[in-house]
Amino acid sequence: MDEPDENKPPDDVMQARERVPGGTRRVPDAAFDLWLRRGLHQLYDGVANEVIPPELLRLIEQDRRK
């Protein structure tokens, strides 16, 4: 397994980069995107990982059969 490169930006920042004419790269809103993504994960990961109540699953299954 490769060792992480401390000088390499995180993958989510790398994905935010875009090509511009002349072959140079720029990171227009990478810092904001990273801040937003991390903030949303902090707020909602707990809720998204909660167990779905059996009654709700039953209602969803009933609706699918209609």
PDB file of N, CA and C in Angstrom:
ATOM      1  N   MET A   1       0.847  -1.189   0.000  1.00  0.00           N
ATOM      2  CA  MET A   1       0.000   0.000   0.000  1.00  0.00           C
ATOM      3  C   MET A   1       0.886   1.243   0.000  1.00  0.00           C
ATOM      4  N   ASP A   2       0.522   2.231  -0.798  1.00  0.00           N
ATOM      5  CA  ASP A   2       1.327   3.440  -0.906  1.00  0.00           C
ATOM      6  C   ASP A   2       1.170   4.310   0.319  1.00  0.00           C
ATOM      7  N   GLU A   3       2.242   4.971   0.676  1.00  0.00           N
ATOM      8  CA  GLU A   3       2.207   5.932   1.767  1.00  0.00           C
ATOM      9  C   GLU A   3       1.542   7.210   1.273  1.00  0.00           C
ATOM     10  N   PRO A   4       0.718   7.861   2.098  1.00  0.00           N
ATOM     11  CA  PRO A   4       0.103   9.127   1.659  1.00  0.00           C
ATOM     12  C   PRO A   4       1.156  10.208   1.479  1.00  0.00           C
ATOM     13  N   ASP A   5       0.999  11.008   0.448  1.00  0.00           N
ATOM     14  CA  ASP A   5       1.903  12.120   0.170  1.00  0.00           C
ATOM     15  C   ASP A   5       1.400  13.337   0.929  1.00  0.00           C
ATOM     16  N   GLU A   6       2.191  13.815   1.880  1.00  0.00           N
ATOM     17  CA  GLU A   6       1.765  14.941   2.717  1.00  0.00           C
ATOM     18  C   GLU A   6       1.619  16.226   1.916  1.00  0.00           C
ATOM     19  N   ASN A   7       2.272  16.315   0.758  1.00  0.00           N
ATOM     20  CA  ASN A   7       2.211  17.525  -0.055  1.00  0.00           C
ATOM     21  C   ASN A   7       1.070  17.506  -1.059  1.00  0.00           C
ATOM     22  N   LYS A   8       0.413  16.362  -1.208  1.00  0.00           N
ATOM     23  CA  LYS A   8      -0.681  16.224  -2.175  1.00  0.00           C
ATOM     24  C   LYS A   8      -1.990  16.676  -1.541  1.00  0.00           C
ATOM     25  N   PRO A   9      -2.778  17.502  -2.244  1.00  0.00           N
ATOM     26  CA  PRO A   9      -4.084  17.918  -1.699  1.00  0.00           C
ATOM     27  C   PRO A   9      -5.013  16.720  -1.552  1.00  0.00           C
ATOM     28  N   PRO A  10      -5.995  16.807  -0.644  1.00  0.00           N
ATOM     29  CA  PRO A  10      -6.963  15.711  -0.498  1.00  0.00           C
ATOM     30  C   PRO A  10      -7.709  15.466  -1.802  1.00  0.00           C
ATOM     31  N   ASP A  11      -8.242  14.246  -1.965  1.00  0.00           N
ATOM     32  CA  ASP A  11      -8.940  13.878  -3.198  1.00  0.00           C
ATOM     33  C   ASP A  11     -10.087  14.820  -3.527  1.00  0.00           C
ATOM     34  N   ASP A  12     -10.844  15.264  -2.509  1.00  0.00           N
ATOM     35  CA  ASP A  12     -11.979  16.133  -2.803  1.00  0.00           C
ATOM     36  C   ASP A  12     -11.532  17.486  -3.344  1.00  0.00           C
ATOM     37  N   VAL A  13     -10.352  17.942  -2.971  1.00  0.00           N
ATOM     38  CA  VAL A  13      -9.830  19.185  -3.534  1.00  0.00           C
ATOM     39  C   VAL A  13      -9.348  18.928  -4.957  1.00  0.00           C
ATOM     40  N   MET A  14      -8.710  17.788  -5.173  1.00  0.00           N
ATOM     41  CA  MET A  14      -8.236  17.447  -6.515  1.00  0.00           C
ATOM     42  C   MET A  14      -9.403  17.357  -7.489  1.00  0.00           C
ATOM     43  N   GLN A  15     -10.529  16.815  -7.059  1.00  0.00           N
ATOM     44  CA  GLN A  15     -11.688  16.690  -7.929  1.00  0.00           C
ATOM     45  C   GLN A  15     -12.294  18.052  -8.264  1.00  0.00           C
ATOM     46  N   ALA A  16     -12.088  19.032  -7.414  1.00  0.00           N
ATOM     47  CA  ALA A  16     -12.666  20.346  -7.647  1.00  0.00           C
ATOM     48  C   ALA A  16     -11.872  21.155  -8.671  1.00  0.00           C
ATOM     49  N   ARG A  17     -10.678  20.699  -8.991  1.00  0.00           N
ATOM     50  CA  ARG A  17      -9.858  21.426  -9.965  1.00  0.00           C
ATOM     51  C   ARG A  17     -10.457  21.301 -11.355  1.00  0.00           C
ATOM     52  N   GLU A  18     -10.260  22.313 -12.146  1.00  0.00           N
ATOM     53  CA  GLU A  18     -10.767  22.265 -13.516  1.00  0.00           C
ATOM     54  C   GLU A  18      -9.714  22.810 -14.456  1.00  0.00           C
ATOM     55  N   ARG A  19      -9.720  22.317 -15.682  1.00  0.00           N
ATOM     56  CA  ARG A  19      -8.777  22.777 -16.696  1.00  0.00           C
ATOM     57  C   ARG A  19      -9.197  24.142 -17.226  1.00  0.00           C
ATOM     58  N   VAL A  20      -8.225  24.967 -17.488  1.00  0.00           N
ATOM     59  CA  VAL A  20      -8.474  26.258 -18.116  1.00  0.00           C
ATOM     60  C   VAL A  20      -7.577  26.344 -19.348  1.00  0.00           C
ATOM     61  N   PRO A  21      -7.899  27.223 -20.290  1.00  0.00           N
ATOM     62  CA  PRO A  21      -7.071  27.350 -21.496  1.00  0.00           C
ATOM     63  C   PRO A  21      -5.605  27.563 -21.135  1.00  0.00           C
ATOM     64  N   GLY A  22      -4.730  26.954 -21.904  1.00  0.00           N
ATOM     65  CA  GLY A  22      -3.302  27.092 -21.665  1.00  0.00           C
ATOM     66  C   GLY A  22      -2.742  25.950 -20.835  1.00  0.00           C
ATOM     67  N   GLY A  23      -3.592  25.041 -20.399  1.00  0.00           N
ATOM     68  CA  GLY A  23      -3.132  23.865 -19.684  1.00  0.00           C
ATOM     69  C   GLY A  23      -2.887  24.082 -18.196  1.00  0.00           C
ATOM     70  N   THR A  24      -3.136  25.271 -17.695  1.00  0.00           N
ATOM     71  CA  THR A  24      -2.937  25.496 -16.265  1.00  0.00           C
ATOM     72  C   THR A  24      -4.162  25.012 -15.505  1.00  0.00           C
ATOM     73  N   ARG A  25      -4.031  24.862 -14.212  1.00  0.00           N
ATOM     74  CA  ARG A  25      -5.151  24.435 -13.384  1.00  0.00           C
ATOM     75  C   ARG A  25      -5.462  25.539 -12.381  1.00  0.00           C
ATOM     76  N   ARG A  26      -6.733  25.598 -12.012  1.00  0.00           N
ATOM     77  CA  ARG A  26      -7.131  26.530 -10.969  1.00  0.00           C
ATOM     78  C   ARG A  26      -8.131  25.844 -10.065  1.00  0.00           C
ATOM     79  N   VAL A  27      -8.249  26.309  -8.858  1.00  0.00           N
ATOM     80  CA  VAL A  27      -9.181  25.738  -7.889  1.00  0.00           C
ATOM     81  C   VAL A  27     -10.114  26.871  -7.477  1.00  0.00           C
ATOM     82  N   PRO A  28     -11.210  27.075  -8.248  1.00  0.00           N
ATOM     83  CA  PRO A  28     -12.033  28.254  -8.025  1.00  0.00           C
ATOM     84  C   PRO A  28     -12.741  28.274  -6.673  1.00  0.00           C
ATOM     85  N   ASP A  29     -13.473  27.239  -6.353  1.00  0.00           N
ATOM     86  CA  ASP A  29     -14.246  27.225  -5.126  1.00  0.00           C
ATOM     87  C   ASP A  29     -13.947  25.987  -4.293  1.00  0.00           C
ATOM     88  N   ALA A  30     -12.772  25.433  -4.439  1.00  0.00           N
ATOM     89  CA  ALA A  30     -12.440  24.183  -3.758  1.00  0.00           C
ATOM     90  C   ALA A  30     -12.524  24.337  -2.241  1.00  0.00           C
ATOM     91  N   ALA A  31     -12.057  25.439  -1.709  1.00  0.00           N
ATOM     92  CA  ALA A  31     -12.086  25.622  -0.252  1.00  0.00           C
ATOM     93  C   ALA A  31     -13.527  25.678   0.246  1.00  0.00           C
ATOM     94  N   PHE A  32     -14.383  26.405  -0.461  1.00  0.00           N
ATOM     95  CA  PHE A  32     -15.793  26.475  -0.063  1.00  0.00           C
ATOM     96  C   PHE A  32     -16.458  25.117  -0.195  1.00  0.00           C
ATOM     97  N   ASP A  33     -16.207  24.418  -1.311  1.00  0.00           N
ATOM     98  CA  ASP A  33     -16.797  23.099  -1.522  1.00  0.00           C
ATOM     99  C   ASP A  33     -16.383  22.132  -0.428  1.00  0.00           C
ATOM    100  N   LEU A  34     -15.118  22.161  -0.061  1.00  0.00           N
ATOM    101  CA  LEU A  34     -14.613  21.292   0.996  1.00  0.00           C
ATOM    102  C   LEU A  34     -15.270  21.637   2.332  1.00  0.00           C
ATOM    103  N   TRP A  35     -15.348  22.924   2.647  1.00  0.00           N
ATOM    104  CA  TRP A  35     -15.983  23.373   3.890  1.00  0.00           C
ATOM    105  C   TRP A  35     -17.444  22.939   3.932  1.00  0.00           C
ATOM    106  N   LEU A  36     -18.158  23.127   2.835  1.00  0.00           N
ATOM    107  CA  LEU A  36     -19.572  22.769   2.769  1.00  0.00           C
ATOM    108  C   LEU A  36     -19.763  21.261   2.918  1.00  0.00           C
ATOM    109  N   ARG A  37     -18.983  20.478   2.175  1.00  0.00           N
ATOM    110  CA  ARG A  37     -19.096  19.018   2.231  1.00  0.00           C
ATOM    111  C   ARG A  37     -18.844  18.510   3.647  1.00  0.00           C
ATOM    112  N   ARG A  38     -17.791  19.000   4.273  1.00  0.00           N
ATOM    113  CA  ARG A  38     -17.476  18.555   5.638  1.00  0.00           C
ATOM    114  C   ARG A  38     -18.550  18.991   6.626  1.00  0.00           C
ATOM    115  N   GLY A  39     -19.044  20.212   6.461  1.00  0.00           N
ATOM    116  CA  GLY A  39     -20.092  20.704   7.355  1.00  0.00           C
ATOM    117  C   GLY A  39     -21.375  19.899   7.232  1.00  0.00           C
ATOM    118  N   LEU A  40     -21.762  19.579   6.011  1.00  0.00           N
ATOM    119  CA  LEU A  40     -22.972  18.779   5.803  1.00  0.00           C
ATOM    120  C   LEU A  40     -22.812  17.377   6.375  1.00  0.00           C
ATOM    121  N   HIS A  41     -21.625  16.806   6.209  1.00  0.00           N
ATOM    122  CA  HIS A  41     -21.380  15.485   6.798  1.00  0.00           C
ATOM    123  C   HIS A  41     -21.482  15.542   8.319  1.00  0.00           C
ATOM    124  N   GLN A  42     -20.917  16.574   8.926  1.00  0.00           N
ATOM    125  CA  GLN A  42     -20.996  16.708  10.382  1.00  0.00           C
ATOM    126  C   GLN A  42     -22.434  16.820  10.858  1.00  0.00           C
ATOM    127  N   LEU A  43     -23.247  17.548  10.118  1.00  0.00           N
ATOM    128  CA  LEU A  43     -24.632  17.758  10.515  1.00  0.00           C
ATOM    129  C   LEU A  43     -25.526  16.546  10.282  1.00  0.00           C
ATOM    130  N   TYR A  44     -25.342  15.842   9.159  1.00  0.00           N
ATOM    131  CA  TYR A  44     -26.345  14.872   8.737  1.00  0.00           C
ATOM    132  C   TYR A  44     -25.901  13.412   8.713  1.00  0.00           C
ATOM    133  N   ASP A  45     -24.635  13.112   8.884  1.00  0.00           N
ATOM    134  CA  ASP A  45     -24.210  11.710   8.859  1.00  0.00           C
ATOM    135  C   ASP A  45     -24.877  10.901   9.963  1.00  0.00           C
ATOM    136  N   GLY A  46     -25.013  11.474  11.129  1.00  0.00           N
ATOM    137  CA  GLY A  46     -25.660  10.765  12.235  1.00  0.00           C
ATOM    138  C   GLY A  46     -27.090  10.382  11.903  1.00  0.00           C
ATOM    139  N   VAL A  47     -27.816  11.298  11.296  1.00  0.00           N
ATOM    140  CA  VAL A  47     -29.206  11.032  10.919  1.00  0.00           C
ATOM    141  C   VAL A  47     -29.254   9.993   9.803  1.00  0.00           C
ATOM    142  N   ALA A  48     -28.397  10.133   8.807  1.00  0.00           N
ATOM    143  CA  ALA A  48     -28.397   9.207   7.676  1.00  0.00           C
ATOM    144  C   ALA A  48     -28.024   7.788   8.101  1.00  0.00           C
ATOM    145  N   ASN A  49     -27.267   7.655   9.182  1.00  0.00           N
ATOM    146  CA  ASN A  49     -26.834   6.335   9.641  1.00  0.00           C
ATOM    147  C   ASN A  49     -27.784   5.702  10.648  1.00  0.00           C
ATOM    148  N   GLU A  50     -28.859   6.400  11.004  1.00  0.00           N
ATOM    149  CA  GLU A  50     -29.817   5.838  11.952  1.00  0.00           C
ATOM    150  C   GLU A  50     -30.566   4.667  11.321  1.00  0.00           C
ATOM    151  N   VAL A  51     -30.981   3.745  12.165  1.00  0.00           N
ATOM    152  CA  VAL A  51     -31.753   2.590  11.705  1.00  0.00           C
ATOM    153  C   VAL A  51     -33.163   3.055  11.341  1.00  0.00           C
ATOM    154  N   ILE A  52     -33.660   2.573  10.211  1.00  0.00           N
ATOM    155  CA  ILE A  52     -35.012   2.927   9.778  1.00  0.00           C
ATOM    156  C   ILE A  52     -35.995   2.081  10.586  1.00  0.00           C
ATOM    157  N   PRO A  53     -36.978   2.705  11.218  1.00  0.00           N
ATOM    158  CA  PRO A  53     -37.949   1.951  12.019  1.00  0.00           C
ATOM    159  C   PRO A  53     -38.710   0.933  11.167  1.00  0.00           C
ATOM    160  N   PRO A  54     -38.945  -0.259  11.716  1.00  0.00           N
ATOM    161  CA  PRO A  54     -39.647  -1.310  10.966  1.00  0.00           C
ATOM    162  C   PRO A  54     -41.014  -0.867  10.444  1.00  0.00           C
ATOM    163  N   GLU A  55     -41.730  -0.057  11.200  1.00  0.00           N
ATOM    164  CA  GLU A  55     -43.048   0.415  10.766  1.00  0.00           C
ATOM    165  C   GLU A  55     -42.930   1.259   9.489  1.00  0.00           C
ATOM    166  N   LEU A  56     -41.915   2.091   9.433  1.00  0.00           N
ATOM    167  CA  LEU A  56     -41.702   2.909   8.237  1.00  0.00           C
ATOM    168  C   LEU A  56     -41.336   2.028   7.042  1.00  0.00           C
ATOM    169  N   LEU A  57     -40.473   1.042   7.257  1.00  0.00           N
ATOM    170  CA  LEU A  57     -40.124   0.113   6.175  1.00  0.00           C
ATOM    171  C   LEU A  57     -41.360  -0.630   5.671  1.00  0.00           C
ATOM    172  N   ARG A  58     -42.227  -1.030   6.583  1.00  0.00           N
ATOM    173  CA  ARG A  58     -43.458  -1.727   6.203  1.00  0.00           C
ATOM    174  C   ARG A  58     -44.332  -0.831   5.330  1.00  0.00           C
ATOM    175  N   LEU A  59     -44.465   0.434   5.721  1.00  0.00           N
ATOM    176  CA  LEU A  59     -45.274   1.372   4.934  1.00  0.00           C
ATOM    177  C   LEU A  59     -44.692   1.592   3.533  1.00  0.00           C
ATOM    178  N   ILE A  60     -43.383   1.670   3.457  1.00  0.00           N
ATOM    179  CA  ILE A  60     -42.727   1.857   2.155  1.00  0.00           C
ATOM    180  C   ILE A  60     -42.978   0.645   1.267  1.00  0.00           C
ATOM    181  N   GLU A  61     -42.825  -0.553   1.832  1.00  0.00           N
ATOM    182  CA  GLU A  61     -43.070  -1.771   1.060  1.00  0.00           C
ATOM    183  C   GLU A  61     -44.517  -1.855   0.595  1.00  0.00           C
ATOM    184  N   GLN A  62     -45.454  -1.492   1.444  1.00  0.00           N
ATOM    185  CA  GLN A  62     -46.864  -1.495   1.046  1.00  0.00           C
ATOM    186  C   GLN A  62     -47.117  -0.544  -0.113  1.00  0.00           C
ATOM    187  N   ASP A  63     -46.503   0.618  -0.067  1.00  0.00           N
ATOM    188  CA  ASP A  63     -46.682   1.604  -1.125  1.00  0.00           C
ATOM    189  C   ASP A  63     -46.078   1.112  -2.446  1.00  0.00           C
ATOM    190  N   ARG A  64     -44.950   0.401  -2.383  1.00  0.00           N
ATOM    191  CA  ARG A  64     -44.324  -0.124  -3.583  1.00  0.00           C
ATOM    192  C   ARG A  64     -45.222  -1.119  -4.308  1.00  0.00           C
ATOM    193  N   ARG A  65     -45.981  -1.873  -3.561  1.00  0.00           N
ATOM    194  CA  ARG A  65     -46.835  -2.915  -4.145  1.00  0.00           C
ATOM    195  C   ARG A  65     -48.050  -2.335  -4.848  1.00  0.00           C
ATOM    196  N   LYS A  66     -48.373  -1.093  -4.610  1.00  0.00           N
ATOM    197  CA  LYS A  66     -49.566  -0.479  -5.221  1.00  0.00           C
ATOM    198  C   LYS A  66     -49.350  -0.185  -6.681  1.00  0.00           C
TER     199      LYS A  66
END
